[in-house]
Amino acid sequence: PRFSVKVEKREKNHADLKISSAAVSDSALYYCALRPTVTGKTSALYKNLLQ
């Protein structure tokens, strides 16, 4: 995959986004939510990557 995210167990408010084979067309502002922020259906959005 071109995009991958690494979440450190010790720092729960920190996530690293890695873009492999990045190109100029990939330049943008990327937002990351470590927990669901908009919808009430949290089970559909939340995947615990720390387990």
PDB file of N, CA and C in Angstrom:
ATOM      1  N   PRO A   1       0.831  -1.215   0.000  1.00  0.00           N
ATOM      2  CA  PRO A   1       0.000   0.000   0.000  1.00  0.00           C
ATOM      3  C   PRO A   1       0.863   1.261   0.000  1.00  0.00           C
ATOM      4  N   ARG A   2       0.400   2.293  -0.632  1.00  0.00           N
ATOM      5  CA  ARG A   2       1.156   3.547  -0.691  1.00  0.00           C
ATOM      6  C   ARG A   2       1.104   4.308   0.619  1.00  0.00           C
ATOM      7  N   PHE A   3       0.019   4.156   1.377  1.00  0.00           N
ATOM      8  CA  PHE A   3      -0.141   4.870   2.638  1.00  0.00           C
ATOM      9  C   PHE A   3      -0.110   3.869   3.782  1.00  0.00           C
ATOM     10  N   SER A   4       0.645   4.181   4.816  1.00  0.00           N
ATOM     11  CA  SER A   4       0.636   3.344   6.013  1.00  0.00           C
ATOM     12  C   SER A   4       0.729   4.252   7.235  1.00  0.00           C
ATOM     13  N   VAL A   5       0.192   3.763   8.343  1.00  0.00           N
ATOM     14  CA  VAL A   5       0.174   4.538   9.582  1.00  0.00           C
ATOM     15  C   VAL A   5       0.781   3.696  10.690  1.00  0.00           C
ATOM     16  N   LYS A   6       1.625   4.323  11.477  1.00  0.00           N
ATOM     17  CA  LYS A   6       2.221   3.658  12.635  1.00  0.00           C
ATOM     18  C   LYS A   6       1.809   4.422  13.882  1.00  0.00           C
ATOM     19  N   VAL A   7       1.158   3.725  14.811  1.00  0.00           N
ATOM     20  CA  VAL A   7       0.721   4.327  16.068  1.00  0.00           C
ATOM     21  C   VAL A   7       1.557   3.721  17.184  1.00  0.00           C
ATOM     22  N   GLU A   8       2.225   4.563  17.944  1.00  0.00           N
ATOM     23  CA  GLU A   8       3.043   4.098  19.062  1.00  0.00           C
ATOM     24  C   GLU A   8       2.159   3.829  20.275  1.00  0.00           C
ATOM     25  N   LYS A   9       2.363   2.697  20.932  1.00  0.00           N
ATOM     26  CA  LYS A   9       1.574   2.365  22.118  1.00  0.00           C
ATOM     27  C   LYS A   9       1.816   3.344  23.257  1.00  0.00           C
ATOM     28  N   ARG A  10       3.057   3.810  23.392  1.00  0.00           N
ATOM     29  CA  ARG A  10       3.385   4.714  24.502  1.00  0.00           C
ATOM     30  C   ARG A  10       2.803   6.110  24.292  1.00  0.00           C
ATOM     31  N   GLU A  11       2.723   6.557  23.061  1.00  0.00           N
ATOM     32  CA  GLU A  11       2.229   7.902  22.772  1.00  0.00           C
ATOM     33  C   GLU A  11       0.929   7.787  21.990  1.00  0.00           C
ATOM     34  N   LYS A  12      -0.175   7.716  22.695  1.00  0.00           N
ATOM     35  CA  LYS A  12      -1.461   7.456  22.059  1.00  0.00           C
ATOM     36  C   LYS A  12      -1.969   8.629  21.232  1.00  0.00           C
ATOM     37  N   ASN A  13      -1.390   9.806  21.406  1.00  0.00           N
ATOM     38  CA  ASN A  13      -1.809  10.965  20.620  1.00  0.00           C
ATOM     39  C   ASN A  13      -0.868  11.231  19.454  1.00  0.00           C
ATOM     40  N   HIS A  14      -0.084  10.236  19.070  1.00  0.00           N
ATOM     41  CA  HIS A  14       0.909  10.412  18.014  1.00  0.00           C
ATOM     42  C   HIS A  14       0.775   9.282  16.997  1.00  0.00           C
ATOM     43  N   ALA A  15       0.706   9.644  15.725  1.00  0.00           N
ATOM     44  CA  ALA A  15       0.670   8.653  14.651  1.00  0.00           C
ATOM     45  C   ALA A  15       1.536   9.155  13.508  1.00  0.00           C
ATOM     46  N   ASP A  16       2.315   8.259  12.920  1.00  0.00           N
ATOM     47  CA  ASP A  16       3.160   8.604  11.779  1.00  0.00           C
ATOM     48  C   ASP A  16       2.497   8.119  10.499  1.00  0.00           C
ATOM     49  N   LEU A  17       2.340   9.010   9.536  1.00  0.00           N
ATOM     50  CA  LEU A  17       1.805   8.660   8.222  1.00  0.00           C
ATOM     51  C   LEU A  17       2.976   8.532   7.266  1.00  0.00           C
ATOM     52  N   LYS A  18       3.081   7.381   6.618  1.00  0.00           N
ATOM     53  CA  LYS A  18       4.159   7.161   5.654  1.00  0.00           C
ATOM     54  C   LYS A  18       3.540   7.005   4.271  1.00  0.00           C
ATOM     55  N   ILE A  19       4.036   7.788   3.319  1.00  0.00           N
ATOM     56  CA  ILE A  19       3.582   7.704   1.932  1.00  0.00           C
ATOM     57  C   ILE A  19       4.759   7.202   1.110  1.00  0.00           C
ATOM     58  N   SER A  20       4.642   5.996   0.577  1.00  0.00           N
ATOM     59  CA  SER A  20       5.728   5.468  -0.241  1.00  0.00           C
ATOM     60  C   SER A  20       5.540   5.922  -1.685  1.00  0.00           C
ATOM     61  N   SER A  21       6.624   6.106  -2.374  1.00  0.00           N
ATOM     62  CA  SER A  21       6.617   6.581  -3.764  1.00  0.00           C
ATOM     63  C   SER A  21       5.830   7.878  -3.898  1.00  0.00           C
ATOM     64  N   ALA A  22       6.091   8.820  -3.012  1.00  0.00           N
ATOM     65  CA  ALA A  22       5.370  10.093  -3.034  1.00  0.00           C
ATOM     66  C   ALA A  22       5.729  10.892  -4.281  1.00  0.00           C
ATOM     67  N   ALA A  23       4.726  11.578  -4.817  1.00  0.00           N
ATOM     68  CA  ALA A  23       4.905  12.424  -5.995  1.00  0.00           C
ATOM     69  C   ALA A  23       4.414  13.826  -5.664  1.00  0.00           C
ATOM     70  N   VAL A  24       4.741  14.781  -6.509  1.00  0.00           N
ATOM     71  CA  VAL A  24       4.300  16.160  -6.299  1.00  0.00           C
ATOM     72  C   VAL A  24       2.780  16.226  -6.228  1.00  0.00           C
ATOM     73  N   SER A  25       2.094  15.388  -6.988  1.00  0.00           N
ATOM     74  CA  SER A  25       0.623  15.392  -6.986  1.00  0.00           C
ATOM     75  C   SER A  25       0.040  14.920  -5.654  1.00  0.00           C
ATOM     76  N   ASP A  26       0.854  14.307  -4.787  1.00  0.00           N
ATOM     77  CA  ASP A  26       0.396  13.865  -3.466  1.00  0.00           C
ATOM     78  C   ASP A  26       0.404  14.989  -2.438  1.00  0.00           C
ATOM     79  N   SER A  27       0.952  16.146  -2.789  1.00  0.00           N
ATOM     80  CA  SER A  27       1.036  17.228  -1.810  1.00  0.00           C
ATOM     81  C   SER A  27      -0.361  17.714  -1.456  1.00  0.00           C
ATOM     82  N   ALA A  28      -0.631  17.720  -0.175  1.00  0.00           N
ATOM     83  CA  ALA A  28      -1.947  18.093   0.338  1.00  0.00           C
ATOM     84  C   ALA A  28      -1.837  18.244   1.848  1.00  0.00           C
ATOM     85  N   LEU A  29      -2.925  18.624   2.447  1.00  0.00           N
ATOM     86  CA  LEU A  29      -3.022  18.659   3.897  1.00  0.00           C
ATOM     87  C   LEU A  29      -3.786  17.416   4.316  1.00  0.00           C
ATOM     88  N   TYR A  30      -3.149  16.550   5.090  1.00  0.00           N
ATOM     89  CA  TYR A  30      -3.760  15.294   5.506  1.00  0.00           C
ATOM     90  C   TYR A  30      -4.224  15.405   6.953  1.00  0.00           C
ATOM     91  N   TYR A  31      -5.457  14.977   7.198  1.00  0.00           N
ATOM     92  CA  TYR A  31      -6.020  14.978   8.546  1.00  0.00           C
ATOM     93  C   TYR A  31      -6.084  13.549   9.052  1.00  0.00           C
ATOM     94  N   CYS A  32      -5.857  13.390  10.332  1.00  0.00           N
ATOM     95  CA  CYS A  32      -5.908  12.071  10.946  1.00  0.00           C
ATOM     96  C   CYS A  32      -6.734  12.152  12.219  1.00  0.00           C
ATOM     97  N   ALA A  33      -7.673  11.246  12.355  1.00  0.00           N
ATOM     98  CA  ALA A  33      -8.452  11.151  13.589  1.00  0.00           C
ATOM     99  C   ALA A  33      -8.089   9.834  14.259  1.00  0.00           C
ATOM    100  N   LEU A  34      -7.570   9.894  15.458  1.00  0.00           N
ATOM    101  CA  LEU A  34      -7.200   8.680  16.178  1.00  0.00           C
ATOM    102  C   LEU A  34      -8.407   7.984  16.783  1.00  0.00           C
ATOM    103  N   ARG A  35      -9.531   8.652  16.763  1.00  0.00           N
ATOM    104  CA  ARG A  35     -10.790   8.039  17.190  1.00  0.00           C
ATOM    105  C   ARG A  35     -11.904   8.689  16.379  1.00  0.00           C
ATOM    106  N   PRO A  36     -13.068   8.047  16.249  1.00  0.00           N
ATOM    107  CA  PRO A  36     -14.172   8.620  15.463  1.00  0.00           C
ATOM    108  C   PRO A  36     -14.576   9.990  16.000  1.00  0.00           C
ATOM    109  N   THR A  37     -14.835  10.921  15.100  1.00  0.00           N
ATOM    110  CA  THR A  37     -15.141  12.279  15.529  1.00  0.00           C
ATOM    111  C   THR A  37     -16.457  12.820  15.002  1.00  0.00           C
ATOM    112  N   VAL A  38     -17.087  12.175  14.018  1.00  0.00           N
ATOM    113  CA  VAL A  38     -18.242  12.775  13.364  1.00  0.00           C
ATOM    114  C   VAL A  38     -19.524  11.987  13.573  1.00  0.00           C
ATOM    115  N   THR A  39     -19.502  10.709  13.332  1.00  0.00           N
ATOM    116  CA  THR A  39     -20.725   9.911  13.322  1.00  0.00           C
ATOM    117  C   THR A  39     -20.955   9.205  14.655  1.00  0.00           C
ATOM    118  N   GLY A  40     -22.181   8.807  14.900  1.00  0.00           N
ATOM    119  CA  GLY A  40     -22.510   8.057  16.102  1.00  0.00           C
ATOM    120  C   GLY A  40     -22.238   6.575  15.956  1.00  0.00           C
ATOM    121  N   LYS A  41     -21.975   6.099  14.745  1.00  0.00           N
ATOM    122  CA  LYS A  41     -21.734   4.673  14.501  1.00  0.00           C
ATOM    123  C   LYS A  41     -20.243   4.381  14.652  1.00  0.00           C
ATOM    124  N   THR A  42     -19.796   4.387  15.876  1.00  0.00           N
ATOM    125  CA  THR A  42     -18.360   4.234  16.119  1.00  0.00           C
ATOM    126  C   THR A  42     -17.847   2.843  15.765  1.00  0.00           C
ATOM    127  N   SER A  43     -18.681   1.819  15.862  1.00  0.00           N
ATOM    128  CA  SER A  43     -18.199   0.472  15.557  1.00  0.00           C
ATOM    129  C   SER A  43     -17.831   0.327  14.089  1.00  0.00           C
ATOM    130  N   ALA A  44     -18.456   1.118  13.218  1.00  0.00           N
ATOM    131  CA  ALA A  44     -18.149   1.047  11.792  1.00  0.00           C
ATOM    132  C   ALA A  44     -16.832   1.745  11.460  1.00  0.00           C
ATOM    133  N   LEU A  45     -16.409   2.694  12.284  1.00  0.00           N
ATOM    134  CA  LEU A  45     -15.224   3.482  11.980  1.00  0.00           C
ATOM    135  C   LEU A  45     -13.986   3.065  12.752  1.00  0.00           C
ATOM    136  N   TYR A  46     -14.155   2.525  13.927  1.00  0.00           N
ATOM    137  CA  TYR A  46     -13.026   2.308  14.827  1.00  0.00           C
ATOM    138  C   TYR A  46     -12.413   0.929  14.619  1.00  0.00           C
ATOM    139  N   LYS A  47     -11.135   0.909  14.379  1.00  0.00           N
ATOM    140  CA  LYS A  47     -10.384  -0.335  14.330  1.00  0.00           C
ATOM    141  C   LYS A  47      -9.180  -0.154  15.239  1.00  0.00           C
ATOM    142  N   ASN A  48      -9.080  -0.961  16.258  1.00  0.00           N
ATOM    143  CA  ASN A  48      -7.986  -0.841  17.215  1.00  0.00           C
ATOM    144  C   ASN A  48      -6.717  -1.424  16.607  1.00  0.00           C
ATOM    145  N   LEU A  49      -5.797  -0.550  16.206  1.00  0.00           N
ATOM    146  CA  LEU A  49      -4.554  -0.986  15.585  1.00  0.00           C
ATOM    147  C   LEU A  49      -3.507  -1.392  16.605  1.00  0.00           C
ATOM    148  N   LEU A  50      -3.792  -1.172  17.879  1.00  0.00           N
ATOM    149  CA  LEU A  50      -2.804  -1.450  18.917  1.00  0.00           C
ATOM    150  C   LEU A  50      -2.866  -2.878  19.436  1.00  0.00           C
ATOM    151  N   GLN A  51      -3.826  -3.662  19.017  1.00  0.00           N
ATOM    152  CA  GLN A  51      -3.935  -5.034  19.518  1.00  0.00           C
ATOM    153  C   GLN A  51      -3.362  -6.019  18.535  1.00  0.00           C
TER     154      GLN A  51
END
